[in-house]
Amino acid sequence: MRKLLASTAAGLALFGGSVAIAATGFTGIAGAQDNGQQTQSTQPGDAQHPLRHRIRHFAKQAVDEVAKDLNMSSKDLVAELRSGKSIADVAQEKGVPLDTIVNDLVGKVDARIDEAVTNGKLTQEKADQLKAKVPERIDTLVHRQLQGRAANAQR
């Protein structure tokens, strides 16, 4: 329970930067599995952050979901974000209502939290606290422009 609670809290805390993590290179994460054991990682710096693989996997899922809503590939979305645009900017250019993207992402995060409660890994009280923060974090995410390392990352 402690491990899931820590990963859920870390995921929500870092969710605002999840697209930035994905944009720095999320290849090779699609096959990641969580079987409760730590796995050997080939990504530099992973040994310093045991939740990094989960965060990257979560970031990739977020990018994939947004790209699907925008009717574009994940690779093209990442290129747009690296060029200095926010998800909100790309959605406006594509004529996609921002509420569609926000609601989809909030729904995905809420579903993961509900799953943790169902599996007994999270209390309902803690889940409610986490869920209360999700819409604000998602709103921050969709309006954020990549900065620093993520914006300058080379693939």
N, C-alpha and C. Protein backbone atom coordinates (compact mmCIF):
# COMPACT_ATOMS: atom_id res chain seq x y z
N MET A 1 0.82 -1.18 0.00
CA MET A 1 0.00 0.00 0.00
C MET A 1 0.87 1.25 0.00
N ARG A 2 1.93 1.20 0.76
CA ARG A 2 2.81 2.34 0.87
C ARG A 2 3.43 2.69 -0.49
N LYS A 3 3.84 1.66 -1.23
CA LYS A 3 4.46 1.86 -2.53
C LYS A 3 3.47 2.48 -3.51
N LEU A 4 2.23 2.00 -3.52
CA LEU A 4 1.22 2.54 -4.42
C LEU A 4 0.85 3.97 -4.04
N LEU A 5 0.70 4.19 -2.74
CA LEU A 5 0.38 5.54 -2.28
C LEU A 5 1.47 6.51 -2.68
N ALA A 6 2.71 6.11 -2.51
CA ALA A 6 3.84 6.97 -2.88
C ALA A 6 3.86 7.21 -4.39
N SER A 7 3.61 6.17 -5.17
CA SER A 7 3.65 6.35 -6.62
C SER A 7 2.47 7.17 -7.11
N THR A 8 1.30 7.00 -6.50
CA THR A 8 0.13 7.80 -6.89
C THR A 8 0.36 9.26 -6.53
N ALA A 9 0.83 9.50 -5.34
CA ALA A 9 1.10 10.88 -4.92
C ALA A 9 2.19 11.50 -5.78
N ALA A 10 3.23 10.74 -6.05
CA ALA A 10 4.31 11.26 -6.90
C ALA A 10 3.80 11.52 -8.31
N GLY A 11 2.97 10.63 -8.79
CA GLY A 11 2.41 10.81 -10.13
C GLY A 11 1.56 12.06 -10.23
N LEU A 12 0.73 12.29 -9.23
CA LEU A 12 -0.09 13.50 -9.24
C LEU A 12 0.76 14.74 -9.03
N ALA A 13 1.73 14.65 -8.15
CA ALA A 13 2.59 15.81 -7.90
C ALA A 13 3.39 16.17 -9.14
N LEU A 14 3.78 15.17 -9.88
CA LEU A 14 4.61 15.42 -11.06
C LEU A 14 3.80 15.47 -12.35
N PHE A 15 2.48 15.29 -12.23
CA PHE A 15 1.66 15.24 -13.43
C PHE A 15 1.79 16.49 -14.27
N GLY A 16 1.92 17.63 -13.60
CA GLY A 16 2.08 18.88 -14.34
C GLY A 16 3.30 18.86 -15.24
N GLY A 17 4.28 18.06 -14.91
CA GLY A 17 5.48 17.97 -15.73
C GLY A 17 5.54 16.69 -16.54
N SER A 18 4.46 15.93 -16.55
CA SER A 18 4.52 14.64 -17.22
C SER A 18 4.73 14.74 -18.71
N VAL A 19 4.16 15.75 -19.33
CA VAL A 19 4.38 15.91 -20.76
C VAL A 19 5.83 16.27 -21.03
N ALA A 20 6.41 17.03 -20.12
CA ALA A 20 7.82 17.37 -20.28
C ALA A 20 8.69 16.12 -20.19
N ILE A 21 8.36 15.23 -19.29
CA ILE A 21 9.11 13.98 -19.18
C ILE A 21 8.95 13.17 -20.45
N ALA A 22 7.73 13.09 -20.92
CA ALA A 22 7.46 12.32 -22.14
C ALA A 22 8.20 12.93 -23.32
N ALA A 23 8.26 14.24 -23.37
CA ALA A 23 8.89 14.90 -24.50
C ALA A 23 10.41 14.73 -24.51
N THR A 24 10.97 14.39 -23.37
CA THR A 24 12.42 14.20 -23.34
C THR A 24 12.81 12.82 -23.85
N GLY A 25 11.85 12.01 -24.13
CA GLY A 25 12.14 10.70 -24.71
C GLY A 25 11.41 9.60 -23.99
N PHE A 26 10.31 9.15 -24.55
CA PHE A 26 9.55 8.12 -23.88
C PHE A 26 9.57 6.80 -24.64
N THR A 27 10.48 6.66 -25.58
CA THR A 27 10.55 5.40 -26.31
C THR A 27 11.04 4.32 -25.38
N GLY A 28 10.60 3.12 -25.61
CA GLY A 28 11.02 1.99 -24.80
C GLY A 28 10.22 1.80 -23.54
N ILE A 29 9.27 2.64 -23.27
CA ILE A 29 8.48 2.53 -22.06
C ILE A 29 7.19 1.76 -22.31
N ALA A 30 6.75 1.65 -23.53
CA ALA A 30 5.46 1.02 -23.82
C ALA A 30 5.38 -0.40 -23.29
N GLY A 31 6.47 -1.11 -23.20
CA GLY A 31 6.45 -2.48 -22.71
C GLY A 31 6.66 -2.60 -21.22
N ALA A 32 6.72 -1.48 -20.51
CA ALA A 32 6.98 -1.53 -19.08
C ALA A 32 5.82 -2.20 -18.36
N GLN A 33 6.14 -3.03 -17.39
CA GLN A 33 5.13 -3.70 -16.61
C GLN A 33 5.44 -3.48 -15.14
N ASP A 34 4.38 -3.44 -14.35
CA ASP A 34 4.56 -3.30 -12.92
C ASP A 34 4.11 -4.59 -12.25
N ASN A 35 5.06 -5.39 -11.85
CA ASN A 35 4.74 -6.64 -11.17
C ASN A 35 5.12 -6.57 -9.69
N GLY A 36 5.32 -5.35 -9.20
CA GLY A 36 5.66 -5.17 -7.81
C GLY A 36 7.15 -5.27 -7.54
N GLN A 37 7.94 -5.61 -8.53
CA GLN A 37 9.37 -5.72 -8.36
C GLN A 37 10.05 -4.63 -9.17
N GLN A 38 11.17 -4.17 -8.66
CA GLN A 38 11.93 -3.21 -9.43
C GLN A 38 12.65 -3.94 -10.55
N THR A 39 12.69 -3.29 -11.71
CA THR A 39 13.34 -3.91 -12.85
C THR A 39 14.60 -3.14 -13.20
N GLN A 40 15.50 -3.80 -13.89
CA GLN A 40 16.72 -3.16 -14.36
C GLN A 40 16.34 -2.16 -15.44
N SER A 41 16.84 -0.96 -15.35
CA SER A 41 16.50 0.07 -16.30
C SER A 41 17.70 0.41 -17.17
N THR A 42 17.39 0.80 -18.40
CA THR A 42 18.45 1.22 -19.30
C THR A 42 18.49 2.74 -19.44
N GLN A 43 17.58 3.43 -18.76
CA GLN A 43 17.54 4.88 -18.84
C GLN A 43 18.53 5.48 -17.86
N PRO A 44 19.32 6.49 -18.29
CA PRO A 44 20.26 7.11 -17.37
C PRO A 44 19.53 7.78 -16.21
N GLY A 45 20.06 7.64 -15.02
CA GLY A 45 19.49 8.32 -13.86
C GLY A 45 18.36 7.57 -13.19
N ASP A 46 17.89 6.45 -13.76
CA ASP A 46 16.76 5.74 -13.18
C ASP A 46 17.08 5.18 -11.80
N ALA A 47 18.32 4.80 -11.56
CA ALA A 47 18.67 4.25 -10.26
C ALA A 47 18.51 5.29 -9.16
N GLN A 48 18.56 6.56 -9.53
CA GLN A 48 18.43 7.63 -8.56
C GLN A 48 16.98 7.91 -8.23
N HIS A 49 16.04 7.45 -9.02
CA HIS A 49 14.62 7.74 -8.81
C HIS A 49 13.82 6.47 -9.10
N PRO A 50 13.50 5.69 -8.07
CA PRO A 50 12.84 4.40 -8.30
C PRO A 50 11.47 4.49 -8.95
N LEU A 51 10.81 5.63 -8.90
CA LEU A 51 9.49 5.76 -9.51
C LEU A 51 9.55 6.31 -10.93
N ARG A 52 10.76 6.58 -11.41
CA ARG A 52 10.89 7.22 -12.72
C ARG A 52 10.21 6.42 -13.82
N HIS A 53 10.35 5.10 -13.83
CA HIS A 53 9.72 4.31 -14.89
C HIS A 53 8.20 4.42 -14.84
N ARG A 54 7.62 4.50 -13.66
CA ARG A 54 6.17 4.66 -13.54
C ARG A 54 5.73 6.04 -14.02
N ILE A 55 6.51 7.04 -13.67
CA ILE A 55 6.18 8.40 -14.08
C ILE A 55 6.27 8.53 -15.59
N ARG A 56 7.31 7.97 -16.18
CA ARG A 56 7.45 8.02 -17.64
C ARG A 56 6.32 7.28 -18.33
N HIS A 57 5.96 6.14 -17.78
CA HIS A 57 4.86 5.36 -18.36
C HIS A 57 3.57 6.18 -18.29
N PHE A 58 3.33 6.81 -17.14
CA PHE A 58 2.15 7.65 -16.97
C PHE A 58 2.19 8.82 -17.94
N ALA A 59 3.36 9.42 -18.12
CA ALA A 59 3.50 10.55 -19.05
C ALA A 59 3.21 10.12 -20.48
N LYS A 60 3.71 8.96 -20.86
CA LYS A 60 3.45 8.45 -22.21
C LYS A 60 1.97 8.23 -22.42
N GLN A 61 1.30 7.68 -21.43
CA GLN A 61 -0.14 7.47 -21.54
C GLN A 61 -0.87 8.80 -21.69
N ALA A 62 -0.44 9.82 -20.96
CA ALA A 62 -1.07 11.14 -21.07
C ALA A 62 -0.87 11.72 -22.46
N VAL A 63 0.35 11.63 -23.00
CA VAL A 63 0.64 12.13 -24.34
C VAL A 63 -0.19 11.37 -25.37
N ASP A 64 -0.26 10.06 -25.24
CA ASP A 64 -1.04 9.25 -26.18
C ASP A 64 -2.51 9.64 -26.16
N GLU A 65 -3.06 9.86 -24.97
CA GLU A 65 -4.48 10.23 -24.83
C GLU A 65 -4.75 11.59 -25.47
N VAL A 66 -3.89 12.55 -25.20
CA VAL A 66 -4.06 13.89 -25.77
C VAL A 66 -3.91 13.84 -27.28
N ALA A 67 -2.93 13.11 -27.78
CA ALA A 67 -2.72 13.00 -29.22
C ALA A 67 -3.95 12.38 -29.89
N LYS A 68 -4.53 11.38 -29.26
CA LYS A 68 -5.74 10.74 -29.80
C LYS A 68 -6.88 11.76 -29.89
N ASP A 69 -7.06 12.55 -28.82
CA ASP A 69 -8.10 13.58 -28.82
C ASP A 69 -7.88 14.62 -29.92
N LEU A 70 -6.60 14.89 -30.21
CA LEU A 70 -6.26 15.90 -31.22
C LEU A 70 -6.15 15.31 -32.63
N ASN A 71 -6.40 14.01 -32.74
CA ASN A 71 -6.34 13.33 -34.04
C ASN A 71 -4.97 13.51 -34.70
N MET A 72 -3.93 13.24 -33.91
CA MET A 72 -2.56 13.33 -34.42
C MET A 72 -1.72 12.27 -33.72
N SER A 73 -0.54 12.02 -34.23
CA SER A 73 0.33 11.03 -33.61
C SER A 73 0.99 11.63 -32.36
N SER A 74 1.40 10.75 -31.46
CA SER A 74 2.10 11.20 -30.26
C SER A 74 3.39 11.91 -30.62
N LYS A 75 4.07 11.39 -31.64
CA LYS A 75 5.33 11.99 -32.09
C LYS A 75 5.11 13.42 -32.58
N ASP A 76 4.04 13.63 -33.35
CA ASP A 76 3.73 14.98 -33.85
C ASP A 76 3.35 15.92 -32.70
N LEU A 77 2.61 15.41 -31.72
CA LEU A 77 2.24 16.23 -30.57
C LEU A 77 3.49 16.65 -29.81
N VAL A 78 4.39 15.72 -29.56
CA VAL A 78 5.62 16.04 -28.84
C VAL A 78 6.42 17.09 -29.62
N ALA A 79 6.46 16.98 -30.94
CA ALA A 79 7.18 17.98 -31.76
C ALA A 79 6.54 19.36 -31.59
N GLU A 80 5.22 19.40 -31.57
CA GLU A 80 4.52 20.69 -31.36
C GLU A 80 4.85 21.26 -29.99
N LEU A 81 4.86 20.41 -28.97
CA LEU A 81 5.15 20.88 -27.62
C LEU A 81 6.59 21.37 -27.50
N ARG A 82 7.50 20.68 -28.15
CA ARG A 82 8.91 21.11 -28.14
C ARG A 82 9.11 22.43 -28.86
N SER A 83 8.23 22.74 -29.79
CA SER A 83 8.36 24.00 -30.53
C SER A 83 7.90 25.20 -29.69
N GLY A 84 7.41 24.95 -28.47
CA GLY A 84 7.03 26.04 -27.58
C GLY A 84 5.54 26.19 -27.38
N LYS A 85 4.75 25.33 -27.98
CA LYS A 85 3.30 25.41 -27.83
C LYS A 85 2.86 24.61 -26.60
N SER A 86 1.71 25.01 -26.07
CA SER A 86 1.09 24.23 -25.00
C SER A 86 0.06 23.30 -25.63
N ILE A 87 -0.45 22.38 -24.85
CA ILE A 87 -1.52 21.51 -25.34
C ILE A 87 -2.73 22.36 -25.72
N ALA A 88 -3.01 23.39 -24.94
CA ALA A 88 -4.13 24.29 -25.24
C ALA A 88 -3.93 24.98 -26.60
N ASP A 89 -2.71 25.38 -26.90
CA ASP A 89 -2.41 26.01 -28.20
C ASP A 89 -2.68 25.04 -29.35
N VAL A 90 -2.21 23.81 -29.20
CA VAL A 90 -2.39 22.81 -30.25
C VAL A 90 -3.87 22.49 -30.42
N ALA A 91 -4.59 22.37 -29.31
CA ALA A 91 -6.02 22.08 -29.38
C ALA A 91 -6.76 23.19 -30.11
N GLN A 92 -6.41 24.43 -29.84
CA GLN A 92 -7.06 25.55 -30.50
C GLN A 92 -6.79 25.52 -32.00
N GLU A 93 -5.55 25.24 -32.38
CA GLU A 93 -5.21 25.15 -33.80
C GLU A 93 -5.98 24.04 -34.50
N LYS A 94 -6.21 22.93 -33.78
CA LYS A 94 -6.89 21.78 -34.35
C LYS A 94 -8.41 21.90 -34.25
N GLY A 95 -8.89 22.92 -33.55
CA GLY A 95 -10.32 23.10 -33.39
C GLY A 95 -10.96 22.10 -32.43
N VAL A 96 -10.18 21.60 -31.49
CA VAL A 96 -10.68 20.64 -30.51
C VAL A 96 -10.95 21.39 -29.20
N PRO A 97 -12.16 21.26 -28.66
CA PRO A 97 -12.45 21.94 -27.39
C PRO A 97 -11.52 21.44 -26.28
N LEU A 98 -10.96 22.37 -25.54
CA LEU A 98 -10.03 22.03 -24.47
C LEU A 98 -10.70 21.18 -23.40
N ASP A 99 -11.99 21.40 -23.19
CA ASP A 99 -12.72 20.60 -22.20
C ASP A 99 -12.68 19.11 -22.53
N THR A 100 -12.66 18.77 -23.81
CA THR A 100 -12.58 17.36 -24.21
C THR A 100 -11.30 16.73 -23.69
N ILE A 101 -10.21 17.43 -23.86
CA ILE A 101 -8.91 16.93 -23.42
C ILE A 101 -8.85 16.86 -21.90
N VAL A 102 -9.26 17.93 -21.26
CA VAL A 102 -9.21 17.98 -19.79
C VAL A 102 -10.07 16.87 -19.20
N ASN A 103 -11.30 16.71 -19.70
CA ASN A 103 -12.20 15.69 -19.16
C ASN A 103 -11.66 14.28 -19.37
N ASP A 104 -11.05 14.03 -20.52
CA ASP A 104 -10.46 12.71 -20.77
C ASP A 104 -9.32 12.41 -19.80
N LEU A 105 -8.44 13.38 -19.60
CA LEU A 105 -7.31 13.17 -18.70
C LEU A 105 -7.76 13.02 -17.25
N VAL A 106 -8.71 13.85 -16.83
CA VAL A 106 -9.23 13.73 -15.46
C VAL A 106 -9.88 12.36 -15.28
N GLY A 107 -10.62 11.92 -16.28
CA GLY A 107 -11.25 10.60 -16.20
C GLY A 107 -10.25 9.48 -16.07
N LYS A 108 -9.15 9.56 -16.82
CA LYS A 108 -8.11 8.53 -16.74
C LYS A 108 -7.46 8.49 -15.36
N VAL A 109 -7.14 9.65 -14.83
CA VAL A 109 -6.50 9.70 -13.51
C VAL A 109 -7.47 9.22 -12.44
N ASP A 110 -8.71 9.68 -12.51
CA ASP A 110 -9.71 9.23 -11.53
C ASP A 110 -9.92 7.72 -11.58
N ALA A 111 -9.89 7.16 -12.76
CA ALA A 111 -10.05 5.70 -12.90
C ALA A 111 -8.89 4.96 -12.24
N ARG A 112 -7.68 5.48 -12.39
CA ARG A 112 -6.51 4.86 -11.75
C ARG A 112 -6.63 4.94 -10.23
N ILE A 113 -7.11 6.05 -9.73
CA ILE A 113 -7.28 6.21 -8.29
C ILE A 113 -8.36 5.24 -7.79
N ASP A 114 -9.48 5.15 -8.51
CA ASP A 114 -10.55 4.23 -8.14
C ASP A 114 -10.06 2.78 -8.13
N GLU A 115 -9.23 2.44 -9.10
CA GLU A 115 -8.67 1.09 -9.17
C GLU A 115 -7.82 0.80 -7.93
N ALA A 116 -7.06 1.79 -7.49
CA ALA A 116 -6.24 1.61 -6.30
C ALA A 116 -7.11 1.40 -5.06
N VAL A 117 -8.23 2.10 -4.98
CA VAL A 117 -9.15 1.91 -3.86
C VAL A 117 -9.75 0.51 -3.91
N THR A 118 -10.20 0.10 -5.09
CA THR A 118 -10.79 -1.23 -5.27
C THR A 118 -9.82 -2.34 -4.88
N ASN A 119 -8.55 -2.14 -5.21
CA ASN A 119 -7.52 -3.14 -4.90
C ASN A 119 -7.02 -3.05 -3.46
N GLY A 120 -7.59 -2.13 -2.67
CA GLY A 120 -7.19 -2.00 -1.28
C GLY A 120 -5.84 -1.34 -1.08
N LYS A 121 -5.36 -0.66 -2.10
CA LYS A 121 -4.04 -0.03 -2.02
C LYS A 121 -4.12 1.43 -1.59
N LEU A 122 -5.34 1.94 -1.53
CA LEU A 122 -5.56 3.35 -1.19
C LEU A 122 -6.88 3.45 -0.45
N THR A 123 -6.92 4.27 0.58
CA THR A 123 -8.18 4.47 1.29
C THR A 123 -9.07 5.41 0.50
N GLN A 124 -10.36 5.32 0.72
CA GLN A 124 -11.30 6.20 0.02
C GLN A 124 -11.05 7.66 0.40
N GLU A 125 -10.70 7.88 1.66
CA GLU A 125 -10.41 9.25 2.11
C GLU A 125 -9.23 9.85 1.35
N LYS A 126 -8.15 9.08 1.22
CA LYS A 126 -6.97 9.56 0.49
C LYS A 126 -7.30 9.73 -0.99
N ALA A 127 -8.09 8.81 -1.53
CA ALA A 127 -8.50 8.91 -2.93
C ALA A 127 -9.28 10.20 -3.17
N ASP A 128 -10.17 10.52 -2.27
CA ASP A 128 -10.95 11.75 -2.41
C ASP A 128 -10.06 12.99 -2.37
N GLN A 129 -9.04 12.96 -1.51
CA GLN A 129 -8.10 14.07 -1.43
C GLN A 129 -7.33 14.21 -2.75
N LEU A 130 -6.87 13.09 -3.28
CA LEU A 130 -6.12 13.13 -4.54
C LEU A 130 -7.01 13.59 -5.70
N LYS A 131 -8.23 13.07 -5.75
CA LYS A 131 -9.15 13.42 -6.83
C LYS A 131 -9.51 14.91 -6.82
N ALA A 132 -9.54 15.49 -5.64
CA ALA A 132 -9.87 16.92 -5.54
C ALA A 132 -8.82 17.79 -6.21
N LYS A 133 -7.58 17.29 -6.29
CA LYS A 133 -6.49 18.07 -6.88
C LYS A 133 -6.33 17.86 -8.38
N VAL A 134 -6.90 16.79 -8.90
CA VAL A 134 -6.67 16.40 -10.29
C VAL A 134 -7.09 17.47 -11.30
N PRO A 135 -8.31 18.02 -11.25
CA PRO A 135 -8.70 18.99 -12.28
C PRO A 135 -7.77 20.20 -12.37
N GLU A 136 -7.34 20.71 -11.24
CA GLU A 136 -6.43 21.86 -11.24
C GLU A 136 -5.09 21.50 -11.85
N ARG A 137 -4.57 20.31 -11.52
CA ARG A 137 -3.29 19.87 -12.07
C ARG A 137 -3.38 19.66 -13.58
N ILE A 138 -4.49 19.11 -14.03
CA ILE A 138 -4.68 18.89 -15.47
C ILE A 138 -4.76 20.23 -16.19
N ASP A 139 -5.49 21.17 -15.60
CA ASP A 139 -5.61 22.49 -16.21
C ASP A 139 -4.24 23.15 -16.33
N THR A 140 -3.42 23.03 -15.30
CA THR A 140 -2.06 23.56 -15.35
C THR A 140 -1.27 22.88 -16.46
N LEU A 141 -1.42 21.57 -16.56
CA LEU A 141 -0.70 20.80 -17.57
C LEU A 141 -1.02 21.26 -18.98
N VAL A 142 -2.29 21.44 -19.30
CA VAL A 142 -2.66 21.75 -20.68
C VAL A 142 -2.28 23.17 -21.09
N HIS A 143 -2.04 24.02 -20.12
CA HIS A 143 -1.64 25.40 -20.44
C HIS A 143 -0.14 25.63 -20.33
N ARG A 144 0.59 24.63 -19.89
CA ARG A 144 2.03 24.77 -19.68
C ARG A 144 2.80 24.61 -20.99
N GLN A 145 3.79 25.45 -21.14
CA GLN A 145 4.73 25.31 -22.26
C GLN A 145 5.99 24.66 -21.71
N LEU A 146 6.57 23.79 -22.53
CA LEU A 146 7.80 23.13 -22.11
C LEU A 146 8.90 24.16 -21.94
N GLN A 147 9.71 23.95 -20.92
CA GLN A 147 10.81 24.87 -20.66
C GLN A 147 12.06 24.07 -20.36
N GLY A 148 13.18 24.70 -20.51
CA GLY A 148 14.45 24.10 -20.11
C GLY A 148 14.79 22.85 -20.87
N ARG A 149 15.19 21.84 -20.15
CA ARG A 149 15.69 20.59 -20.73
C ARG A 149 14.66 19.92 -21.64
N ALA A 150 13.40 19.91 -21.22
CA ALA A 150 12.38 19.23 -22.01
C ALA A 150 12.17 19.91 -23.35
N ALA A 151 12.19 21.22 -23.39
CA ALA A 151 11.97 21.93 -24.64
C ALA A 151 13.16 21.78 -25.59
N ASN A 152 14.34 21.61 -25.03
CA ASN A 152 15.55 21.51 -25.86
C ASN A 152 15.99 20.08 -26.11
N ALA A 153 15.22 19.12 -25.64
CA ALA A 153 15.62 17.70 -25.76
C ALA A 153 15.72 17.29 -27.23
N GLN A 154 16.73 16.50 -27.50
CA GLN A 154 16.92 15.95 -28.84
C GLN A 154 16.55 14.48 -28.81
N ARG A 155 15.87 14.01 -29.82
CA ARG A 155 15.50 12.59 -29.88
C ARG A 155 16.55 11.84 -30.62
